[in-house]
Amino acid sequence: MILIFIVFSCEVLEVADFAEYPVKIEAKELRELEELNTRYQAENDNHICSTLNEFGYTGFSRRLFPDDINPCLSRESVRVELKEVDTLINVAKESLLKNREFTLVSDTSNLEIEEVVPLYGCTICEGPDINSVPIEYKITFGEQRLGNTMVRNSDITVFVDSIGVNRIWGNWFPEFTSPGFINIGYLEAQRMLIGWEINMQEFTGEDMTFIITEEHLENEPNFEFYPYENNGVLELRKTWNVEILYPEEFFQGWNASIDVIDGLLLAIEPIESEQEF
């Protein structure tokens, strides 16, 4: 149990009890997960090849892969040329709403398009007139917001062909109550990162160690919710998103997620390049 003493005046002393923080979501038992996944597939006419994830949300779980093989690898492509992109976006939105038990999308007006990419294949696959045309679209919706606060890693990607949606990757998360009190301020969160060493081989191929200093932390952190998987339990945490800037233009740097209550460093992830749409 985390207890924080808060002084509101010279005479009043209250205690904030964070025993219920962070909110935790347990992974499903295999039998329950299989039953949920069977129902999910049936409700979508068995056209969606992607499975649910460990927590019963849209994504994937290797526990549901027959012989440890992704079922989408054996999916037969629907070879019909697609032309009406706006219609396909609506199909994707309707599918997310229809499957709201698993996607947690309850209002399509909150979905913001991040990227739409045509995927090409042939409709004439033999002879001299073989072609390459869009037969699927990959539609990515941006990250969820709870109030004005973004939920990191909550974007959803939907694949649509002429029959309908055939894959859904990603999900939103249930609304939850988080402490209004902040135990770790953003300046402290930044100071926690000073002196950290990062091996650049994985990120840029450089054989060097990058050491974080104050000059790499010039942008003010912002609040985010972060779904943190901890030993098979999904923890919904309130965090500071701290940007770590890399001094060379060819690599932007990282986002560090630090819990505002207990100061736990949850992740350091590369900053994704901005996509134009």
Protein backbone atom coordinates (compact mmCIF):
# COMPACT_ATOMS: atom_id res chain seq x y z
CA MET A 1 0.00 0.00 0.00
CA ILE A 2 1.30 3.45 -0.94
CA LEU A 3 0.39 6.21 1.51
CA ILE A 4 1.08 9.86 0.68
CA PHE A 5 0.57 12.56 3.32
CA ILE A 6 -0.90 15.75 1.86
CA VAL A 7 -0.92 19.05 3.74
CA PHE A 8 -3.84 21.26 2.72
CA SER A 9 -3.45 23.86 5.51
CA CYS A 10 -1.58 24.39 8.75
CA GLU A 11 -4.13 22.32 10.63
CA VAL A 12 -5.40 19.73 8.14
CA LEU A 13 -3.47 16.58 7.30
CA GLU A 14 -4.99 13.99 5.00
CA VAL A 15 -3.76 10.68 3.69
CA ALA A 16 -4.09 9.61 0.05
CA ASP A 17 -4.41 5.84 -0.12
CA PHE A 18 -3.16 4.44 -3.43
CA ALA A 19 -3.77 0.79 -2.57
CA GLU A 20 -5.87 0.48 -5.74
CA TYR A 21 -3.14 1.97 -7.93
CA PRO A 22 -2.17 0.95 -10.51
CA VAL A 23 -5.34 -0.58 -11.93
CA LYS A 24 -4.49 -4.16 -12.91
CA ILE A 25 -5.94 -6.43 -15.59
CA GLU A 26 -5.12 -10.13 -15.28
CA ALA A 27 -4.34 -12.30 -18.31
CA LYS A 28 -7.13 -14.72 -19.17
CA GLU A 29 -6.91 -18.42 -18.39
CA LEU A 30 -6.33 -20.41 -21.58
CA ARG A 31 -9.79 -22.03 -21.61
CA GLU A 32 -11.57 -18.69 -21.18
CA LEU A 33 -9.34 -17.08 -23.80
CA GLU A 34 -10.06 -19.86 -26.30
CA GLU A 35 -13.81 -19.51 -25.71
CA LEU A 36 -13.66 -15.73 -26.17
CA ASN A 37 -11.57 -16.10 -29.32
CA THR A 38 -13.95 -18.69 -30.80
CA ARG A 39 -16.89 -16.34 -30.22
CA TYR A 40 -14.93 -13.38 -31.61
CA GLN A 41 -14.17 -15.31 -34.81
CA ALA A 42 -17.76 -16.56 -35.18
CA GLU A 43 -19.22 -13.07 -34.69
CA ASN A 44 -17.03 -11.93 -37.60
CA ASP A 45 -18.00 -14.80 -39.92
CA ASN A 46 -14.51 -16.29 -39.46
CA HIS A 47 -13.08 -13.68 -41.86
CA ILE A 48 -10.76 -12.14 -39.26
CA CYS A 49 -7.60 -14.23 -39.01
CA SER A 50 -5.96 -12.31 -36.14
CA THR A 51 -6.65 -13.55 -32.62
CA LEU A 52 -7.34 -11.90 -29.30
CA ASN A 53 -4.41 -11.14 -27.00
CA GLU A 54 -3.64 -12.52 -23.54
CA PHE A 55 -6.12 -10.10 -21.93
CA GLY A 56 -9.01 -10.78 -24.30
CA TYR A 57 -8.50 -7.69 -26.46
CA THR A 58 -7.88 -7.48 -30.21
CA GLY A 59 -4.28 -8.13 -31.17
CA PHE A 60 -2.72 -11.55 -31.02
CA SER A 61 -1.62 -14.23 -28.61
CA ARG A 62 0.73 -17.07 -29.49
CA ARG A 63 -1.25 -19.19 -27.04
CA LEU A 64 -3.98 -19.17 -29.71
CA PHE A 65 -1.69 -19.99 -32.67
CA PRO A 66 -2.24 -23.57 -33.93
CA ASP A 67 1.16 -25.34 -33.76
CA ASP A 68 2.65 -21.94 -32.86
CA ILE A 69 1.96 -20.66 -36.39
CA ASN A 70 0.22 -17.32 -36.96
CA PRO A 71 -3.12 -18.20 -38.62
CA CYS A 72 -2.87 -15.10 -40.82
CA LEU A 73 0.09 -16.64 -42.66
CA SER A 74 -2.23 -19.17 -44.30
CA ARG A 75 -5.00 -16.65 -45.03
CA GLU A 76 -6.02 -16.62 -48.68
CA SER A 77 -6.04 -13.11 -50.13
CA VAL A 78 -9.25 -11.78 -51.64
CA ARG A 79 -8.16 -10.63 -55.09
CA VAL A 80 -10.64 -7.86 -55.86
CA GLU A 81 -9.45 -4.34 -56.70
CA LEU A 82 -10.45 -1.70 -54.14
CA LYS A 83 -11.24 1.87 -55.17
CA GLU A 84 -13.58 3.52 -52.64
CA VAL A 85 -11.20 4.35 -49.77
CA ASP A 86 -13.72 6.40 -47.76
CA THR A 87 -16.12 3.45 -47.75
CA LEU A 88 -13.36 1.15 -46.47
CA ILE A 89 -12.56 3.56 -43.63
CA ASN A 90 -16.21 3.42 -42.58
CA VAL A 91 -16.13 -0.39 -42.75
CA ALA A 92 -13.08 -0.37 -40.45
CA LYS A 93 -14.77 1.97 -37.96
CA GLU A 94 -17.98 -0.07 -37.95
CA SER A 95 -16.00 -3.25 -37.28
CA LEU A 96 -14.22 -1.67 -34.29
CA LEU A 97 -17.57 -0.58 -32.88
CA LYS A 98 -19.22 -3.93 -33.56
CA ASN A 99 -16.36 -5.65 -31.72
CA ARG A 100 -16.29 -3.11 -28.87
CA GLU A 101 -16.20 -5.89 -26.27
CA PHE A 102 -12.73 -6.71 -27.60
CA THR A 103 -11.56 -3.36 -29.04
CA LEU A 104 -13.05 -1.14 -26.28
CA VAL A 105 -13.99 1.40 -28.96
CA SER A 106 -17.47 2.58 -27.98
CA ASP A 107 -17.67 5.78 -30.05
CA THR A 108 -16.27 5.94 -33.59
CA SER A 109 -16.25 9.74 -33.50
CA ASN A 110 -13.23 9.46 -31.22
CA LEU A 111 -11.27 7.56 -33.88
CA GLU A 112 -8.69 9.71 -35.67
CA ILE A 113 -7.06 8.42 -38.85
CA GLU A 114 -3.30 8.28 -38.58
CA GLU A 115 -2.40 6.44 -41.78
CA VAL A 116 -4.04 4.77 -44.79
CA VAL A 117 -1.85 2.50 -46.91
CA PRO A 118 -2.90 0.47 -49.98
CA LEU A 119 -1.59 -3.09 -50.16
CA TYR A 120 -1.10 -4.36 -53.69
CA GLY A 121 -1.71 -7.72 -55.32
CA CYS A 122 -2.82 -9.10 -58.64
CA THR A 123 -6.36 -9.61 -59.87
CA ILE A 124 -4.98 -10.82 -63.21
CA CYS A 125 -2.22 -13.13 -62.08
CA GLU A 126 -1.40 -15.06 -65.27
CA GLY A 127 -0.59 -14.18 -68.86
CA PRO A 128 0.71 -11.01 -70.49
CA ASP A 129 -1.77 -8.68 -68.73
CA ILE A 130 -0.70 -9.48 -65.14
CA ASN A 131 -1.40 -6.48 -62.93
CA SER A 132 -0.78 -5.03 -59.48
CA VAL A 133 -3.65 -3.12 -57.86
CA PRO A 134 -4.84 -2.34 -54.30
CA ILE A 135 -6.61 -5.44 -52.94
CA GLU A 136 -6.37 -4.44 -49.27
CA TYR A 137 -6.01 -1.28 -47.23
CA LYS A 138 -4.15 -0.94 -43.97
CA ILE A 139 -5.90 1.73 -41.88
CA THR A 140 -4.31 2.93 -38.64
CA PHE A 141 -6.27 4.90 -36.06
CA GLY A 142 -4.40 7.11 -33.59
CA GLU A 143 -3.99 6.58 -29.89
CA GLN A 144 -6.83 6.70 -27.39
CA ARG A 145 -7.46 9.66 -25.12
CA LEU A 146 -9.01 9.44 -21.68
CA GLY A 147 -10.18 12.98 -21.12
CA ASN A 148 -7.33 15.06 -22.48
CA THR A 149 -4.66 12.48 -21.63
CA MET A 150 -3.21 10.21 -24.31
CA VAL A 151 -2.86 6.47 -23.75
CA ARG A 152 0.49 5.39 -25.18
CA ASN A 153 0.68 2.35 -27.49
CA SER A 154 -3.09 2.31 -28.01
CA ASP A 155 -3.22 2.85 -31.77
CA ILE A 156 -5.31 0.30 -33.71
CA THR A 157 -4.53 -1.03 -37.19
CA VAL A 158 -7.30 -2.55 -39.30
CA PHE A 159 -6.87 -4.43 -42.60
CA VAL A 160 -9.81 -4.33 -45.01
CA ASP A 161 -10.47 -6.25 -48.24
CA SER A 162 -13.54 -6.40 -50.49
CA ILE A 163 -15.34 -8.74 -48.07
CA GLY A 164 -14.60 -6.71 -44.96
CA VAL A 165 -12.14 -6.52 -42.10
CA ASN A 166 -9.67 -9.42 -42.01
CA ARG A 167 -7.26 -8.33 -39.24
CA ILE A 168 -7.37 -6.06 -36.20
CA TRP A 169 -4.15 -5.29 -34.36
CA GLY A 170 -4.24 -3.30 -31.14
CA ASN A 171 -6.97 -2.07 -28.81
CA TRP A 172 -8.06 0.73 -26.55
CA PHE A 173 -8.21 0.38 -22.77
CA PRO A 174 -10.93 0.67 -20.12
CA GLU A 175 -11.44 4.00 -18.39
CA PHE A 176 -9.99 3.99 -14.90
CA THR A 177 -9.52 6.29 -11.95
CA SER A 178 -5.98 7.43 -11.22
CA PRO A 179 -4.72 9.48 -8.27
CA GLY A 180 -5.02 13.22 -8.79
CA PHE A 181 -1.98 13.73 -6.59
CA ILE A 182 1.49 13.67 -8.19
CA ASN A 183 4.30 12.22 -6.12
CA ILE A 184 7.02 12.64 -8.77
CA GLY A 185 7.23 16.05 -10.45
CA TYR A 186 8.40 16.37 -14.04
CA LEU A 187 11.72 17.96 -13.03
CA GLU A 188 12.45 15.02 -10.76
CA ALA A 189 11.46 12.63 -13.55
CA GLN A 190 13.96 14.31 -15.84
CA ARG A 191 16.71 14.25 -13.21
CA MET A 192 16.20 10.50 -12.78
CA LEU A 193 17.40 9.99 -16.36
CA ILE A 194 20.60 12.03 -16.14
CA GLY A 195 23.62 9.77 -16.35
CA TRP A 196 21.78 6.84 -17.93
CA GLU A 197 23.82 5.07 -20.61
CA ILE A 198 22.30 3.77 -23.84
CA ASN A 199 24.08 1.42 -26.26
CA MET A 200 23.54 2.95 -29.70
CA GLN A 201 24.22 -0.25 -31.67
CA GLU A 202 20.53 -1.25 -31.57
CA PHE A 203 19.22 2.17 -32.59
CA THR A 204 21.68 3.68 -35.06
CA GLY A 205 24.30 0.96 -35.62
CA GLU A 206 26.94 3.14 -33.96
CA ASP A 207 29.45 1.34 -31.77
CA MET A 208 29.19 3.83 -28.92
CA THR A 209 27.46 4.57 -25.63
CA PHE A 210 25.20 7.61 -25.35
CA ILE A 211 25.07 9.25 -21.91
CA ILE A 212 21.97 11.32 -21.08
CA THR A 213 22.69 14.86 -19.83
CA GLU A 214 20.51 17.88 -19.05
CA GLU A 215 20.90 19.25 -22.59
CA HIS A 216 19.14 16.17 -23.97
CA LEU A 217 16.07 16.84 -21.78
CA GLU A 218 15.13 20.35 -22.88
CA ASN A 219 11.45 19.65 -23.71
CA GLU A 220 8.93 19.79 -20.89
CA PRO A 221 7.41 16.36 -20.13
CA ASN A 222 3.69 15.74 -20.50
CA PHE A 223 1.16 13.44 -18.83
CA GLU A 224 0.29 10.14 -20.45
CA PHE A 225 -1.36 6.91 -19.44
CA TYR A 226 0.82 3.88 -20.06
CA PRO A 227 -0.39 0.24 -20.30
CA TYR A 228 2.51 -1.61 -18.67
CA GLU A 229 2.75 -5.39 -18.89
CA ASN A 230 4.30 -6.70 -15.69
CA ASN A 231 4.73 -10.48 -15.38
CA GLY A 232 1.50 -11.29 -17.18
CA VAL A 233 -0.49 -8.49 -15.55
CA LEU A 234 -1.49 -5.34 -17.43
CA GLU A 235 -1.06 -2.26 -15.22
CA LEU A 236 -2.66 1.03 -16.26
CA ARG A 237 -0.32 3.74 -15.01
CA LYS A 238 -0.21 7.55 -15.04
CA THR A 239 3.17 8.71 -16.27
CA TRP A 240 5.43 11.51 -17.34
CA ASN A 241 6.48 11.15 -20.96
CA VAL A 242 10.03 12.53 -20.98
CA GLU A 243 11.65 13.19 -24.36
CA ILE A 244 15.34 12.32 -24.63
CA LEU A 245 16.73 14.14 -27.67
CA TYR A 246 19.63 12.69 -29.67
CA PRO A 247 22.06 15.34 -30.96
CA GLU A 248 22.20 14.01 -34.55
CA GLU A 249 19.43 14.63 -37.12
CA PHE A 250 19.31 11.05 -38.42
CA PHE A 251 17.85 9.77 -35.12
CA GLN A 252 15.35 11.73 -33.02
CA GLY A 253 15.83 10.09 -29.64
CA TRP A 254 13.52 8.35 -27.17
CA ASN A 255 10.39 8.68 -25.05
CA ALA A 256 10.89 7.62 -21.43
CA SER A 257 7.76 6.74 -19.44
CA ILE A 258 8.08 7.37 -15.68
CA ASP A 259 5.25 6.69 -13.22
CA VAL A 260 4.15 9.90 -11.46
CA ILE A 261 3.29 8.02 -8.23
CA ASP A 262 6.16 5.61 -7.54
CA GLY A 263 8.79 6.91 -9.99
CA LEU A 264 9.16 3.56 -11.77
CA LEU A 265 10.83 3.81 -15.19
CA LEU A 266 8.45 1.76 -17.34
CA ALA A 267 10.05 2.04 -20.77
CA ILE A 268 12.46 3.93 -23.00
CA GLU A 269 11.18 3.72 -26.58
CA PRO A 270 12.49 5.34 -29.80
CA ILE A 271 10.56 8.41 -30.92
CA GLU A 272 8.58 7.49 -34.02
CA SER A 273 8.99 9.67 -37.07
CA GLU A 274 6.03 11.88 -37.81
CA GLN A 275 3.78 10.42 -40.53
CA GLU A 276 2.04 12.66 -43.04
CA PHE A 277 -1.52 11.93 -44.09
